[in-house]
N, C-alpha and C. Protein backbone atom coordinates (compact mmCIF):
# COMPACT_ATOMS: atom_id res chain seq x y z
N MET A 1 0.85 -1.17 0.00
CA MET A 1 0.00 0.00 0.00
C MET A 1 0.90 1.24 0.00
N PRO A 2 0.66 2.16 -0.92
CA PRO A 2 1.51 3.35 -0.99
C PRO A 2 1.22 4.34 0.13
N TYR A 3 2.25 5.08 0.49
CA TYR A 3 2.16 6.13 1.50
C TYR A 3 2.45 7.46 0.84
N VAL A 4 2.03 8.56 1.49
CA VAL A 4 2.29 9.91 0.99
C VAL A 4 2.96 10.70 2.10
N CYS A 5 4.04 11.36 1.78
CA CYS A 5 4.73 12.23 2.73
C CYS A 5 3.88 13.49 2.93
N LEU A 6 3.63 13.86 4.18
CA LEU A 6 2.80 15.03 4.45
C LEU A 6 3.54 16.35 4.24
N HIS A 7 4.85 16.28 4.10
CA HIS A 7 5.64 17.50 3.90
C HIS A 7 5.83 17.83 2.42
N CYS A 8 6.33 16.88 1.64
CA CYS A 8 6.61 17.14 0.22
C CYS A 8 5.54 16.57 -0.71
N LYS A 9 4.56 15.83 -0.16
CA LYS A 9 3.42 15.27 -0.91
C LYS A 9 3.83 14.25 -1.97
N ARG A 10 4.98 13.65 -1.85
CA ARG A 10 5.41 12.62 -2.80
C ARG A 10 4.94 11.25 -2.34
N GLU A 11 4.69 10.39 -3.31
CA GLU A 11 4.22 9.04 -3.02
C GLU A 11 5.41 8.12 -2.82
N ILE A 12 5.37 7.33 -1.74
CA ILE A 12 6.40 6.36 -1.43
C ILE A 12 5.77 4.98 -1.53
N LYS A 13 6.33 4.12 -2.36
CA LYS A 13 5.75 2.79 -2.59
C LYS A 13 5.88 1.90 -1.37
N THR A 14 7.08 1.79 -0.80
CA THR A 14 7.30 0.93 0.36
C THR A 14 8.14 1.66 1.40
N LEU A 15 7.97 1.28 2.64
CA LEU A 15 8.78 1.80 3.73
C LEU A 15 9.64 0.67 4.28
N GLU A 16 10.82 1.01 4.78
CA GLU A 16 11.67 0.00 5.39
C GLU A 16 11.07 -0.41 6.74
N LYS A 17 11.46 -1.58 7.23
CA LYS A 17 10.84 -2.15 8.44
C LYS A 17 10.89 -1.19 9.64
N ASN A 18 12.05 -0.86 10.13
CA ASN A 18 12.18 -0.07 11.36
C ASN A 18 12.65 1.36 11.07
N PHE A 19 12.39 1.85 9.87
CA PHE A 19 12.90 3.17 9.49
C PHE A 19 11.82 3.90 8.71
N VAL A 20 11.09 4.80 9.37
CA VAL A 20 10.00 5.52 8.72
C VAL A 20 10.47 6.95 8.48
N ARG A 21 10.90 7.19 7.24
CA ARG A 21 11.36 8.52 6.86
C ARG A 21 11.25 8.66 5.35
N CYS A 22 10.83 9.83 4.89
CA CYS A 22 10.71 10.09 3.47
C CYS A 22 12.11 10.09 2.83
N PRO A 23 12.30 9.32 1.76
CA PRO A 23 13.62 9.30 1.13
C PRO A 23 13.95 10.59 0.37
N TYR A 24 12.97 11.44 0.14
CA TYR A 24 13.19 12.67 -0.62
C TYR A 24 13.52 13.85 0.29
N CYS A 25 12.73 14.05 1.36
CA CYS A 25 12.94 15.24 2.20
C CYS A 25 13.33 14.90 3.63
N GLY A 26 13.20 13.64 4.06
CA GLY A 26 13.60 13.25 5.40
C GLY A 26 12.53 13.44 6.45
N TYR A 27 11.34 13.84 6.05
CA TYR A 27 10.24 14.05 6.99
C TYR A 27 9.76 12.71 7.53
N ARG A 28 9.31 12.66 8.78
CA ARG A 28 8.98 11.38 9.41
C ARG A 28 7.48 11.11 9.53
N VAL A 29 6.64 11.95 8.96
CA VAL A 29 5.20 11.75 9.08
C VAL A 29 4.64 11.33 7.73
N MET A 30 4.03 10.14 7.70
CA MET A 30 3.46 9.59 6.47
C MET A 30 1.97 9.33 6.69
N SER A 31 1.22 9.30 5.60
CA SER A 31 -0.17 8.89 5.66
C SER A 31 -0.41 7.89 4.54
N LYS A 32 -1.37 6.99 4.76
CA LYS A 32 -1.70 6.02 3.73
C LYS A 32 -2.49 6.72 2.64
N LYS A 33 -2.19 6.37 1.41
CA LYS A 33 -2.90 6.97 0.28
C LYS A 33 -4.30 6.40 0.20
N ARG A 34 -5.28 7.28 0.05
CA ARG A 34 -6.66 6.84 -0.06
C ARG A 34 -6.95 6.35 -1.46
N SER A 35 -7.91 5.43 -1.55
CA SER A 35 -8.30 4.93 -2.86
C SER A 35 -9.10 6.01 -3.58
N SER A 36 -9.09 5.97 -4.88
CA SER A 36 -9.78 6.99 -5.67
C SER A 36 -11.22 6.60 -5.97
N LEU A 37 -11.67 5.47 -5.45
CA LEU A 37 -13.04 5.03 -5.70
C LEU A 37 -14.00 5.66 -4.71
N ALA A 38 -15.13 6.13 -5.22
CA ALA A 38 -16.16 6.70 -4.37
C ALA A 38 -17.01 5.56 -3.81
N LYS A 39 -17.36 5.66 -2.55
CA LYS A 39 -18.18 4.64 -1.92
C LYS A 39 -19.65 5.01 -2.05
N GLU A 40 -20.48 4.01 -2.32
CA GLU A 40 -21.93 4.23 -2.37
C GLU A 40 -22.55 3.75 -1.07
N VAL A 41 -23.38 4.60 -0.48
CA VAL A 41 -24.04 4.27 0.77
C VAL A 41 -25.54 4.30 0.54
N SER A 42 -26.20 3.24 0.94
CA SER A 42 -27.65 3.20 0.79
C SER A 42 -28.31 3.99 1.92
N THR A 43 -29.44 4.61 1.64
CA THR A 43 -30.14 5.42 2.64
C THR A 43 -31.37 4.71 3.18
N ASP A 44 -31.47 3.42 2.96
CA ASP A 44 -32.63 2.65 3.44
C ASP A 44 -32.52 2.38 4.92
């Protein structure tokens, strides 16, 4: 599952096991990328 750096907004495909840091800017805060599919919710 891809991650996104919250500082530089670049997508990171994989993270190392015990090392969570953006390889581009060195920022340590990542978020999981959301899927682009819209969810349908029934109102019944």
